[in-house]
């Protein structure tokens, strides 16, 4: 996954395929779903649209196939498998240009996490969803989603949340000339958040 975050997907495809092939038949359905959605993400980042969407759908199907299976502790590092599959599925849709589907998956991921847990991850999923709304031209929905993301940032101190707020303010700067109240209020909240760090 580090290779994807460093924008070097060509180095990840073989690893994801090998991991998936090793996992098939050796792990429960929910854990296999995690391997499949990571594979789907690498396919999407490498421009293999049809295979990426097929693999992402297979991952979602596996989630519902055996919801009561025991999941190994290492597969729970980022929370329940379903949540990780939603978030990673959003990352499949994003490079394929389906911002509506990506926003929906980020929203599902944020809503599915147990209340009061993973505040930073929930905030970042909501911020990513807001960015998808903005790419679709849904400014008010983007602002509302960013506000929800910031609601989860209270008490969270991380470089990633700080960068997310900086990025948000940069996006809002381009919208300020429109005079939208939601933009002005969110920009002020972002400024206050950054000043409080």
N, C-alpha and C. Protein backbone atom coordinates (compact mmCIF):
# COMPACT_ATOMS: atom_id res chain seq x y z
N UNK A 1 0.82 -1.19 0.00
CA UNK A 1 0.00 0.00 0.00
C UNK A 1 0.87 1.26 0.00
N UNK A 2 2.03 1.16 0.58
CA UNK A 2 2.93 2.31 0.61
C UNK A 2 3.25 2.77 -0.81
N UNK A 3 3.43 1.82 -1.72
CA UNK A 3 3.71 2.16 -3.11
C UNK A 3 2.58 2.94 -3.75
N UNK A 4 1.34 2.61 -3.39
CA UNK A 4 0.20 3.37 -3.92
C UNK A 4 0.20 4.78 -3.37
N UNK A 5 0.49 4.92 -2.08
CA UNK A 5 0.52 6.24 -1.48
C UNK A 5 1.67 7.09 -2.01
N UNK A 6 2.72 6.43 -2.48
CA UNK A 6 3.86 7.14 -3.06
C UNK A 6 3.71 7.30 -4.57
N UNK A 7 2.51 6.95 -5.07
CA UNK A 7 2.18 7.09 -6.49
C UNK A 7 3.10 6.26 -7.39
N UNK A 8 3.38 5.03 -6.95
CA UNK A 8 4.17 4.08 -7.73
C UNK A 8 3.38 2.78 -7.87
N UNK A 9 2.17 2.83 -8.46
CA UNK A 9 1.32 1.65 -8.51
C UNK A 9 1.90 0.48 -9.30
N UNK A 10 2.78 0.77 -10.23
CA UNK A 10 3.36 -0.31 -11.04
C UNK A 10 4.15 -1.29 -10.19
N UNK A 11 4.60 -0.86 -9.03
CA UNK A 11 5.36 -1.74 -8.14
C UNK A 11 4.45 -2.53 -7.20
N UNK A 12 3.17 -2.23 -7.23
CA UNK A 12 2.24 -2.85 -6.27
C UNK A 12 1.41 -3.97 -6.86
N UNK A 13 1.20 -3.95 -8.15
CA UNK A 13 0.28 -4.91 -8.76
C UNK A 13 0.72 -6.35 -8.52
N UNK A 14 1.97 -6.65 -8.76
CA UNK A 14 2.47 -8.01 -8.54
C UNK A 14 2.37 -8.44 -7.09
N UNK A 15 2.67 -7.51 -6.18
CA UNK A 15 2.56 -7.82 -4.75
C UNK A 15 1.12 -8.11 -4.36
N UNK A 16 0.19 -7.29 -4.86
CA UNK A 16 -1.22 -7.48 -4.53
C UNK A 16 -1.73 -8.81 -5.08
N UNK A 17 -1.33 -9.14 -6.30
CA UNK A 17 -1.74 -10.42 -6.90
C UNK A 17 -1.18 -11.61 -6.12
N UNK A 18 0.08 -11.51 -5.74
CA UNK A 18 0.70 -12.59 -4.96
C UNK A 18 0.02 -12.74 -3.61
N UNK A 19 -0.23 -11.63 -2.94
CA UNK A 19 -0.91 -11.67 -1.65
C UNK A 19 -2.28 -12.31 -1.76
N UNK A 20 -3.04 -11.91 -2.78
CA UNK A 20 -4.37 -12.47 -2.98
C UNK A 20 -4.29 -13.97 -3.27
N UNK A 21 -3.38 -14.37 -4.13
CA UNK A 21 -3.25 -15.80 -4.46
C UNK A 21 -2.87 -16.63 -3.24
N UNK A 22 -2.05 -16.08 -2.37
CA UNK A 22 -1.68 -16.79 -1.13
C UNK A 22 -2.84 -16.86 -0.15
N UNK A 23 -3.71 -15.85 -0.17
CA UNK A 23 -4.81 -15.78 0.79
C UNK A 23 -5.99 -16.67 0.39
N UNK A 24 -6.23 -16.83 -0.90
CA UNK A 24 -7.38 -17.62 -1.37
C UNK A 24 -7.39 -19.00 -0.73
N UNK A 25 -8.52 -19.32 -0.10
CA UNK A 25 -8.68 -20.63 0.52
C UNK A 25 -7.95 -20.81 1.84
N UNK A 26 -7.19 -19.82 2.25
CA UNK A 26 -6.41 -19.93 3.49
C UNK A 26 -6.96 -19.04 4.61
N UNK A 27 -7.81 -18.08 4.25
CA UNK A 27 -8.35 -17.13 5.22
C UNK A 27 -9.87 -17.10 5.09
N UNK A 28 -10.52 -16.50 6.07
CA UNK A 28 -11.97 -16.37 6.04
C UNK A 28 -12.39 -15.40 4.92
N UNK A 29 -13.68 -15.38 4.62
CA UNK A 29 -14.20 -14.58 3.51
C UNK A 29 -13.96 -13.09 3.70
N UNK A 30 -14.13 -12.58 4.93
CA UNK A 30 -13.94 -11.15 5.16
C UNK A 30 -12.48 -10.74 4.96
N UNK A 31 -11.56 -11.58 5.39
CA UNK A 31 -10.14 -11.28 5.21
C UNK A 31 -9.77 -11.37 3.73
N UNK A 32 -10.33 -12.35 3.03
CA UNK A 32 -10.08 -12.43 1.59
C UNK A 32 -10.62 -11.18 0.89
N UNK A 33 -11.74 -10.65 1.39
CA UNK A 33 -12.29 -9.42 0.81
C UNK A 33 -11.28 -8.28 0.91
N UNK A 34 -10.54 -8.23 2.01
CA UNK A 34 -9.51 -7.19 2.16
C UNK A 34 -8.43 -7.35 1.09
N UNK A 35 -7.98 -8.57 0.89
CA UNK A 35 -6.96 -8.81 -0.14
C UNK A 35 -7.49 -8.46 -1.53
N UNK A 36 -8.75 -8.80 -1.77
CA UNK A 36 -9.33 -8.52 -3.09
C UNK A 36 -9.49 -7.02 -3.34
N UNK A 37 -9.90 -6.27 -2.33
CA UNK A 37 -10.11 -4.84 -2.56
C UNK A 37 -8.78 -4.12 -2.72
N UNK A 38 -7.74 -4.59 -2.05
CA UNK A 38 -6.40 -4.01 -2.28
C UNK A 38 -5.95 -4.32 -3.71
N UNK A 39 -6.21 -5.53 -4.16
CA UNK A 39 -5.89 -5.89 -5.54
C UNK A 39 -6.68 -5.00 -6.50
N UNK A 40 -7.96 -4.78 -6.21
CA UNK A 40 -8.79 -3.91 -7.05
C UNK A 40 -8.21 -2.50 -7.11
N UNK A 41 -7.75 -2.01 -5.98
CA UNK A 41 -7.17 -0.66 -5.94
C UNK A 41 -5.93 -0.59 -6.82
N UNK A 42 -5.08 -1.59 -6.74
CA UNK A 42 -3.87 -1.57 -7.58
C UNK A 42 -4.23 -1.68 -9.06
N UNK A 43 -5.25 -2.46 -9.37
CA UNK A 43 -5.70 -2.55 -10.77
C UNK A 43 -6.20 -1.19 -11.25
N UNK A 44 -7.00 -0.52 -10.43
CA UNK A 44 -7.53 0.80 -10.81
C UNK A 44 -6.40 1.80 -11.02
N UNK A 45 -5.43 1.79 -10.13
CA UNK A 45 -4.31 2.73 -10.25
C UNK A 45 -3.45 2.44 -11.47
N UNK A 46 -3.54 1.21 -11.98
CA UNK A 46 -2.79 0.83 -13.18
C UNK A 46 -3.65 0.90 -14.44
N UNK A 47 -4.85 1.51 -14.31
CA UNK A 47 -5.70 1.75 -15.47
C UNK A 47 -6.48 0.54 -15.97
N UNK A 48 -6.64 -0.46 -15.15
CA UNK A 48 -7.37 -1.67 -15.56
C UNK A 48 -8.79 -1.62 -14.99
N UNK A 49 -9.58 -0.77 -15.57
CA UNK A 49 -10.91 -0.44 -15.07
C UNK A 49 -11.81 -1.66 -14.86
N UNK A 50 -12.04 -2.43 -15.90
CA UNK A 50 -13.00 -3.53 -15.82
C UNK A 50 -12.60 -4.54 -14.74
N UNK A 51 -11.34 -4.94 -14.74
CA UNK A 51 -10.87 -5.90 -13.73
C UNK A 51 -10.96 -5.31 -12.32
N UNK A 52 -10.66 -4.02 -12.19
CA UNK A 52 -10.72 -3.36 -10.88
C UNK A 52 -12.14 -3.39 -10.34
N UNK A 53 -13.11 -3.03 -11.17
CA UNK A 53 -14.51 -3.01 -10.72
C UNK A 53 -15.02 -4.41 -10.41
N UNK A 54 -14.62 -5.39 -11.21
CA UNK A 54 -15.02 -6.78 -10.95
C UNK A 54 -14.45 -7.26 -9.62
N UNK A 55 -13.19 -6.95 -9.37
CA UNK A 55 -12.54 -7.38 -8.13
C UNK A 55 -13.16 -6.67 -6.91
N UNK A 56 -13.48 -5.39 -7.05
CA UNK A 56 -14.12 -4.65 -5.95
C UNK A 56 -15.49 -5.24 -5.64
N UNK A 57 -16.24 -5.60 -6.67
CA UNK A 57 -17.56 -6.21 -6.47
C UNK A 57 -17.41 -7.57 -5.79
N UNK A 58 -16.41 -8.33 -6.18
CA UNK A 58 -16.16 -9.64 -5.55
C UNK A 58 -15.85 -9.45 -4.06
N UNK A 59 -15.08 -8.41 -3.74
CA UNK A 59 -14.76 -8.13 -2.33
C UNK A 59 -16.03 -7.83 -1.54
N UNK A 60 -16.92 -7.01 -2.11
CA UNK A 60 -18.17 -6.68 -1.42
C UNK A 60 -19.04 -7.93 -1.24
N UNK A 61 -19.06 -8.80 -2.24
CA UNK A 61 -19.83 -10.04 -2.15
C UNK A 61 -19.29 -10.94 -1.03
N UNK A 62 -17.98 -11.02 -0.93
CA UNK A 62 -17.37 -11.83 0.13
C UNK A 62 -17.73 -11.33 1.52
N UNK A 63 -17.88 -10.02 1.66
CA UNK A 63 -18.23 -9.46 2.98
C UNK A 63 -19.55 -10.00 3.48
N UNK A 64 -20.50 -10.15 2.58
CA UNK A 64 -21.83 -10.62 2.99
C UNK A 64 -21.92 -12.14 3.02
N UNK A 65 -20.93 -12.83 2.43
CA UNK A 65 -20.97 -14.29 2.33
C UNK A 65 -20.87 -14.98 3.69
N UNK A 66 -20.04 -14.47 4.56
CA UNK A 66 -19.82 -15.13 5.85
C UNK A 66 -19.53 -14.09 6.92
N UNK A 67 -20.54 -13.27 7.27
CA UNK A 67 -20.29 -12.18 8.22
C UNK A 67 -19.92 -12.63 9.62
N UNK A 68 -20.18 -13.88 9.98
CA UNK A 68 -19.88 -14.33 11.33
C UNK A 68 -18.53 -15.00 11.48
N UNK A 69 -17.79 -15.11 10.39
CA UNK A 69 -16.48 -15.77 10.45
C UNK A 69 -15.55 -15.04 11.41
N UNK A 70 -14.68 -15.81 12.02
CA UNK A 70 -13.64 -15.22 12.89
C UNK A 70 -12.55 -14.62 12.01
N UNK A 71 -12.24 -13.36 12.26
CA UNK A 71 -11.24 -12.64 11.48
C UNK A 71 -9.95 -12.58 12.28
N UNK A 72 -8.80 -12.87 11.66
CA UNK A 72 -7.54 -12.81 12.40
C UNK A 72 -7.25 -11.39 12.89
N UNK A 73 -6.59 -11.28 14.02
CA UNK A 73 -6.36 -9.98 14.64
C UNK A 73 -5.65 -9.01 13.70
N UNK A 74 -4.72 -9.49 12.89
CA UNK A 74 -3.96 -8.60 12.02
C UNK A 74 -4.82 -7.99 10.93
N UNK A 75 -5.94 -8.64 10.60
CA UNK A 75 -6.84 -8.11 9.58
C UNK A 75 -7.74 -7.01 10.15
N UNK A 76 -7.68 -6.81 11.46
CA UNK A 76 -8.52 -5.80 12.12
C UNK A 76 -7.74 -4.53 12.43
N UNK A 77 -6.53 -4.41 11.94
CA UNK A 77 -5.66 -3.27 12.29
C UNK A 77 -6.30 -1.93 11.97
N UNK A 78 -7.08 -1.84 10.90
CA UNK A 78 -7.71 -0.57 10.53
C UNK A 78 -9.21 -0.60 10.81
N UNK A 79 -9.63 -1.54 11.65
CA UNK A 79 -11.03 -1.62 12.02
C UNK A 79 -11.70 -2.83 11.39
N UNK A 80 -13.01 -2.91 11.50
CA UNK A 80 -13.75 -4.04 10.93
C UNK A 80 -13.49 -4.15 9.42
N UNK A 81 -13.39 -5.37 8.91
CA UNK A 81 -13.09 -5.55 7.49
C UNK A 81 -14.05 -4.80 6.56
N UNK A 82 -15.33 -4.80 6.88
CA UNK A 82 -16.30 -4.12 6.02
C UNK A 82 -15.96 -2.65 5.82
N UNK A 83 -15.56 -2.01 6.89
CA UNK A 83 -15.22 -0.59 6.82
C UNK A 83 -14.00 -0.38 5.93
N UNK A 84 -13.01 -1.23 6.10
CA UNK A 84 -11.81 -1.13 5.27
C UNK A 84 -12.13 -1.37 3.80
N UNK A 85 -13.04 -2.30 3.54
CA UNK A 85 -13.43 -2.57 2.15
C UNK A 85 -14.16 -1.36 1.57
N UNK A 86 -15.05 -0.72 2.33
CA UNK A 86 -15.74 0.48 1.83
C UNK A 86 -14.72 1.57 1.48
N UNK A 87 -13.82 1.84 2.40
CA UNK A 87 -12.85 2.91 2.20
C UNK A 87 -11.94 2.62 1.00
N UNK A 88 -11.48 1.38 0.90
CA UNK A 88 -10.59 1.02 -0.21
C UNK A 88 -11.37 0.99 -1.53
N UNK A 89 -12.66 0.62 -1.49
CA UNK A 89 -13.47 0.64 -2.71
C UNK A 89 -13.61 2.07 -3.22
N UNK A 90 -13.71 3.02 -2.31
CA UNK A 90 -13.74 4.43 -2.72
C UNK A 90 -12.47 4.77 -3.48
N UNK A 91 -11.35 4.23 -3.00
CA UNK A 91 -10.06 4.48 -3.65
C UNK A 91 -9.95 3.76 -4.99
N UNK A 92 -10.80 2.78 -5.23
CA UNK A 92 -10.88 2.14 -6.55
C UNK A 92 -11.61 3.07 -7.51
N UNK A 93 -12.73 3.63 -7.06
CA UNK A 93 -13.55 4.48 -7.93
C UNK A 93 -12.88 5.82 -8.24
N UNK A 94 -12.13 6.33 -7.30
CA UNK A 94 -11.52 7.66 -7.46
C UNK A 94 -10.63 7.76 -8.70
N UNK A 95 -9.62 6.90 -8.88
CA UNK A 95 -8.78 7.06 -10.08
C UNK A 95 -9.51 6.72 -11.38
N UNK A 96 -10.65 6.03 -11.26
CA UNK A 96 -11.44 5.71 -12.44
C UNK A 96 -12.37 6.85 -12.82
N UNK A 97 -12.38 7.91 -12.00
CA UNK A 97 -13.17 9.10 -12.30
C UNK A 97 -14.63 9.03 -11.87
N UNK A 98 -15.02 8.00 -11.12
CA UNK A 98 -16.40 7.89 -10.64
C UNK A 98 -16.47 8.51 -9.25
N UNK A 99 -16.53 9.84 -9.21
CA UNK A 99 -16.48 10.56 -7.94
C UNK A 99 -17.74 10.37 -7.10
N UNK A 100 -18.88 10.15 -7.76
CA UNK A 100 -20.12 9.90 -7.02
C UNK A 100 -19.99 8.59 -6.23
N UNK A 101 -19.56 7.53 -6.91
CA UNK A 101 -19.41 6.23 -6.23
C UNK A 101 -18.35 6.31 -5.14
N UNK A 102 -17.27 7.03 -5.41
CA UNK A 102 -16.21 7.18 -4.40
C UNK A 102 -16.76 7.88 -3.16
N UNK A 103 -17.51 8.96 -3.36
CA UNK A 103 -18.09 9.70 -2.22
C UNK A 103 -19.02 8.80 -1.41
N UNK A 104 -19.83 7.99 -2.10
CA UNK A 104 -20.75 7.08 -1.40
C UNK A 104 -19.97 6.07 -0.55
N UNK A 105 -18.90 5.53 -1.10
CA UNK A 105 -18.12 4.53 -0.36
C UNK A 105 -17.40 5.15 0.83
N UNK A 106 -16.87 6.37 0.66
CA UNK A 106 -16.24 7.05 1.80
C UNK A 106 -17.28 7.31 2.89
N UNK A 107 -18.50 7.69 2.51
CA UNK A 107 -19.55 7.93 3.50
C UNK A 107 -19.91 6.64 4.23
N UNK A 108 -20.01 5.53 3.49
CA UNK A 108 -20.29 4.23 4.12
C UNK A 108 -19.19 3.86 5.11
N UNK A 109 -17.94 4.09 4.72
CA UNK A 109 -16.82 3.77 5.60
C UNK A 109 -16.89 4.58 6.89
N UNK A 110 -17.14 5.87 6.76
CA UNK A 110 -17.20 6.74 7.95
C UNK A 110 -18.36 6.35 8.86
N UNK A 111 -19.50 6.02 8.27
CA UNK A 111 -20.69 5.69 9.06
C UNK A 111 -20.59 4.31 9.71
N UNK A 112 -19.83 3.41 9.12
CA UNK A 112 -19.79 2.02 9.60
C UNK A 112 -18.81 1.79 10.75
N UNK A 113 -17.94 2.74 11.01
CA UNK A 113 -16.98 2.55 12.12
C UNK A 113 -17.73 2.65 13.44
N UNK A 114 -17.35 1.85 14.42
CA UNK A 114 -18.00 1.93 15.73
C UNK A 114 -17.86 3.35 16.31
N UNK A 115 -18.95 3.85 16.88
CA UNK A 115 -18.97 5.22 17.43
C UNK A 115 -17.83 5.43 18.41
N UNK A 116 -17.19 6.57 18.30
CA UNK A 116 -16.13 6.93 19.23
C UNK A 116 -14.79 6.27 18.96
N UNK A 117 -14.66 5.57 17.84
CA UNK A 117 -13.40 4.90 17.52
C UNK A 117 -12.82 5.44 16.22
N UNK A 118 -11.54 5.30 16.07
CA UNK A 118 -10.85 5.65 14.82
C UNK A 118 -11.19 7.06 14.34
N UNK A 119 -11.19 8.03 15.25
CA UNK A 119 -11.60 9.40 14.90
C UNK A 119 -10.79 9.96 13.74
N UNK A 120 -9.50 9.74 13.73
CA UNK A 120 -8.67 10.28 12.65
C UNK A 120 -9.05 9.66 11.31
N UNK A 121 -9.26 8.34 11.30
CA UNK A 121 -9.59 7.66 10.05
C UNK A 121 -10.96 8.09 9.56
N UNK A 122 -11.93 8.21 10.48
CA UNK A 122 -13.27 8.68 10.10
C UNK A 122 -13.16 10.08 9.50
N UNK A 123 -12.41 10.95 10.16
CA UNK A 123 -12.25 12.32 9.66
C UNK A 123 -11.65 12.32 8.27
N UNK A 124 -10.63 11.51 8.05
CA UNK A 124 -9.97 11.48 6.74
C UNK A 124 -10.87 10.87 5.66
N UNK A 125 -11.69 9.88 6.02
CA UNK A 125 -12.65 9.35 5.04
C UNK A 125 -13.67 10.42 4.66
N UNK A 126 -14.14 11.17 5.65
CA UNK A 126 -15.10 12.24 5.36
C UNK A 126 -14.47 13.34 4.51
N UNK A 127 -13.24 13.70 4.82
CA UNK A 127 -12.54 14.72 4.02
C UNK A 127 -12.40 14.24 2.58
N UNK A 128 -12.02 12.98 2.41
CA UNK A 128 -11.88 12.43 1.05
C UNK A 128 -13.22 12.44 0.33
N UNK A 129 -14.30 12.12 1.06
CA UNK A 129 -15.63 12.18 0.47
C UNK A 129 -16.00 13.60 0.06
N UNK A 130 -15.65 14.57 0.90
CA UNK A 130 -15.92 15.98 0.57
C UNK A 130 -15.18 16.38 -0.70
N UNK A 131 -13.95 15.92 -0.84
CA UNK A 131 -13.18 16.23 -2.05
C UNK A 131 -13.84 15.65 -3.29
N UNK A 132 -14.45 14.47 -3.15
CA UNK A 132 -15.17 13.86 -4.28
C UNK A 132 -16.41 14.69 -4.63
N UNK A 133 -17.14 15.16 -3.59
CA UNK A 133 -18.30 16.02 -3.86
C UNK A 133 -17.88 17.28 -4.59
N UNK A 134 -16.77 17.86 -4.17
CA UNK A 134 -16.29 19.08 -4.81
C UNK A 134 -15.93 18.82 -6.27
N UNK A 135 -15.30 17.70 -6.55
CA UNK A 135 -14.96 17.37 -7.94
C UNK A 135 -16.20 17.21 -8.80
N UNK A 136 -17.32 16.85 -8.18
CA UNK A 136 -18.59 16.73 -8.91
C UNK A 136 -19.31 18.07 -9.02
N UNK A 137 -18.77 19.09 -8.35
CA UNK A 137 -19.40 20.41 -8.39
C UNK A 137 -20.44 20.62 -7.31
N UNK A 138 -20.54 19.72 -6.36
CA UNK A 138 -21.52 19.82 -5.27
C UNK A 138 -20.88 20.55 -4.10
N UNK A 139 -20.80 21.87 -4.20
CA UNK A 139 -20.06 22.67 -3.22
C UNK A 139 -20.69 22.59 -1.83
N UNK A 140 -22.01 22.76 -1.75
CA UNK A 140 -22.65 22.74 -0.44
C UNK A 140 -22.54 21.37 0.23
N UNK A 141 -22.67 20.31 -0.55
CA UNK A 141 -22.53 18.97 0.01
C UNK A 141 -21.08 18.74 0.45
N UNK A 142 -20.13 19.26 -0.32
CA UNK A 142 -18.72 19.15 0.07
C UNK A 142 -18.48 19.87 1.39
N UNK A 143 -19.01 21.08 1.52
CA UNK A 143 -18.82 21.84 2.77
C UNK A 143 -19.44 21.11 3.96
N UNK A 144 -20.65 20.58 3.77
CA UNK A 144 -21.31 19.85 4.87
C UNK A 144 -20.48 18.63 5.28
N UNK A 145 -19.93 17.93 4.30
CA UNK A 145 -19.13 16.74 4.60
C UNK A 145 -17.82 17.13 5.25
N UNK A 146 -17.20 18.22 4.80
CA UNK A 146 -15.97 18.70 5.45
C UNK A 146 -16.25 19.06 6.92
N UNK A 147 -17.40 19.73 7.16
CA UNK A 147 -17.76 20.06 8.55
C UNK A 147 -17.85 18.79 9.39
N UNK A 148 -18.49 17.76 8.85
CA UNK A 148 -18.60 16.49 9.59
C UNK A 148 -17.22 15.90 9.85
N UNK A 149 -16.34 15.99 8.87
CA UNK A 149 -14.97 15.51 9.06
C UNK A 149 -14.27 16.27 10.16
N UNK A 150 -14.44 17.57 10.17
CA UNK A 150 -13.79 18.39 11.21
C UNK A 150 -14.37 18.11 12.59
N UNK A 151 -15.66 17.72 12.64
CA UNK A 151 -16.26 17.34 13.92
C UNK A 151 -15.47 16.19 14.57
N UNK A 152 -14.92 15.31 13.75
CA UNK A 152 -14.17 14.16 14.26
C UNK A 152 -12.71 14.49 14.56
N UNK A 153 -12.27 15.68 14.18
CA UNK A 153 -10.87 16.05 14.39
C UNK A 153 -10.60 16.63 15.77
N UNK A 154 -11.65 16.92 16.53
CA UNK A 154 -11.46 17.46 17.87
C UNK A 154 -10.62 16.52 18.72
N UNK A 155 -9.51 17.00 19.22
CA UNK A 155 -8.63 16.19 20.05
C UNK A 155 -7.66 15.33 19.27
N UNK A 156 -7.80 15.30 17.95
CA UNK A 156 -6.89 14.51 17.11
C UNK A 156 -5.75 15.42 16.67
N UNK A 157 -4.55 14.99 16.91
CA UNK A 157 -3.38 15.75 16.46
C UNK A 157 -2.57 14.84 15.56
N UNK A 158 -2.65 15.08 14.28
CA UNK A 158 -1.87 14.27 13.34
C UNK A 158 -1.48 15.12 12.14
N UNK A 159 -0.39 14.75 11.54
CA UNK A 159 0.09 15.45 10.35
C UNK A 159 -0.94 15.32 9.23
N UNK A 160 -1.54 14.15 9.11
CA UNK A 160 -2.50 13.93 8.01
C UNK A 160 -3.74 14.78 8.16
N UNK A 161 -4.26 14.95 9.39
CA UNK A 161 -5.45 15.80 9.54
C UNK A 161 -5.08 17.26 9.28
N UNK A 162 -3.91 17.66 9.74
CA UNK A 162 -3.47 19.04 9.49
C UNK A 162 -3.33 19.29 7.98
N UNK A 163 -2.72 18.36 7.27
CA UNK A 163 -2.59 18.50 5.82
C UNK A 163 -3.96 18.52 5.14
N UNK A 164 -4.88 17.72 5.66
CA UNK A 164 -6.23 17.69 5.08
C UNK A 164 -6.91 19.04 5.22
N UNK A 165 -6.73 19.69 6.36
CA UNK A 165 -7.35 21.01 6.57
C UNK A 165 -6.65 22.06 5.70
N UNK A 166 -5.34 21.99 5.57
CA UNK A 166 -4.63 22.91 4.66
C UNK A 166 -5.15 22.75 3.23
N UNK A 167 -5.29 21.49 2.81
CA UNK A 167 -5.78 21.20 1.45
C UNK A 167 -7.20 21.73 1.27
N UNK A 168 -8.04 21.53 2.31
CA UNK A 168 -9.41 22.01 2.27
C UNK A 168 -9.44 23.52 2.09
N UNK A 169 -8.62 24.23 2.87
CA UNK A 169 -8.60 25.69 2.77
C UNK A 169 -8.12 26.14 1.39
N UNK A 170 -7.20 25.39 0.81
CA UNK A 170 -6.76 25.70 -0.55
C UNK A 170 -7.90 25.54 -1.55
N UNK A 171 -8.68 24.48 -1.40
CA UNK A 171 -9.84 24.28 -2.27
C UNK A 171 -10.86 25.38 -2.07
N UNK A 172 -11.06 25.77 -0.82
CA UNK A 172 -12.05 26.82 -0.51
C UNK A 172 -11.61 28.17 -1.05
N UNK A 173 -10.31 28.43 -1.09
CA UNK A 173 -9.80 29.72 -1.57
C UNK A 173 -10.28 29.99 -3.00
N UNK A 174 -10.35 28.94 -3.81
CA UNK A 174 -10.82 29.10 -5.19
C UNK A 174 -12.31 29.39 -5.25
N UNK A 175 -13.03 29.05 -4.18
CA UNK A 175 -14.48 29.23 -4.17
C UNK A 175 -14.92 30.52 -3.48
N UNK A 176 -14.02 31.15 -2.72
CA UNK A 176 -14.38 32.36 -1.97
C UNK A 176 -15.00 33.45 -2.83
N UNK A 177 -14.50 33.71 -4.04
CA UNK A 177 -15.10 34.78 -4.85
C UNK A 177 -16.59 34.59 -5.15
N UNK A 178 -17.09 33.39 -4.99
CA UNK A 178 -18.52 33.14 -5.24
C UNK A 178 -19.40 33.68 -4.12
N UNK A 179 -18.79 33.97 -2.97
CA UNK A 179 -19.54 34.55 -1.86
C UNK A 179 -20.49 33.60 -1.16
N UNK A 180 -20.22 32.32 -1.21
CA UNK A 180 -21.10 31.35 -0.56
C UNK A 180 -20.84 31.33 0.95
N UNK A 181 -21.91 31.40 1.70
CA UNK A 181 -21.80 31.43 3.16
C UNK A 181 -21.13 30.16 3.70
N UNK A 182 -21.53 29.01 3.15
CA UNK A 182 -20.97 27.74 3.66
C UNK A 182 -19.45 27.70 3.46
N UNK A 183 -18.96 28.30 2.39
CA UNK A 183 -17.52 28.34 2.13
C UNK A 183 -16.83 29.22 3.16
N UNK A 184 -17.39 30.40 3.41
CA UNK A 184 -16.78 31.34 4.37
C UNK A 184 -16.75 30.74 5.77
N UNK A 185 -17.85 30.11 6.19
CA UNK A 185 -17.91 29.52 7.53
C UNK A 185 -16.92 28.37 7.69
N UNK A 186 -16.83 27.54 6.67
CA UNK A 186 -15.91 26.41 6.74
C UNK A 186 -14.46 26.88 6.72
N UNK A 187 -14.17 27.88 5.90
CA UNK A 187 -12.81 28.41 5.85
C UNK A 187 -12.41 28.98 7.21
N UNK A 188 -13.33 29.68 7.85
CA UNK A 188 -13.04 30.23 9.19
C UNK A 188 -12.80 29.10 10.19
N UNK A 189 -13.62 28.06 10.11
CA UNK A 189 -13.43 26.92 11.01
C UNK A 189 -12.08 26.26 10.77
N UNK A 190 -11.69 26.13 9.52
CA UNK A 190 -10.39 25.55 9.20
C UNK A 190 -9.25 26.39 9.73
N UNK A 191 -9.37 27.71 9.57
CA UNK A 191 -8.34 28.62 10.08
C UNK A 191 -8.22 28.50 11.59
N UNK A 192 -9.37 28.49 12.29
CA UNK A 192 -9.37 28.35 13.75
C UNK A 192 -8.74 27.02 14.18
N UNK A 193 -9.04 25.97 13.44
CA UNK A 193 -8.48 24.65 13.75
C UNK A 193 -6.96 24.69 13.65
N UNK A 194 -6.46 25.26 12.58
CA UNK A 194 -5.01 25.30 12.37
C UNK A 194 -4.32 26.22 13.38
N UNK A 195 -4.98 27.30 13.77
CA UNK A 195 -4.41 28.21 14.78
C UNK A 195 -4.36 27.55 16.15
N UNK A 196 -5.26 26.60 16.39
CA UNK A 196 -5.32 25.93 17.69
C UNK A 196 -4.31 24.82 17.86
N UNK A 197 -3.58 24.50 16.80
CA UNK A 197 -2.60 23.40 16.88
C UNK A 197 -1.33 23.82 17.58
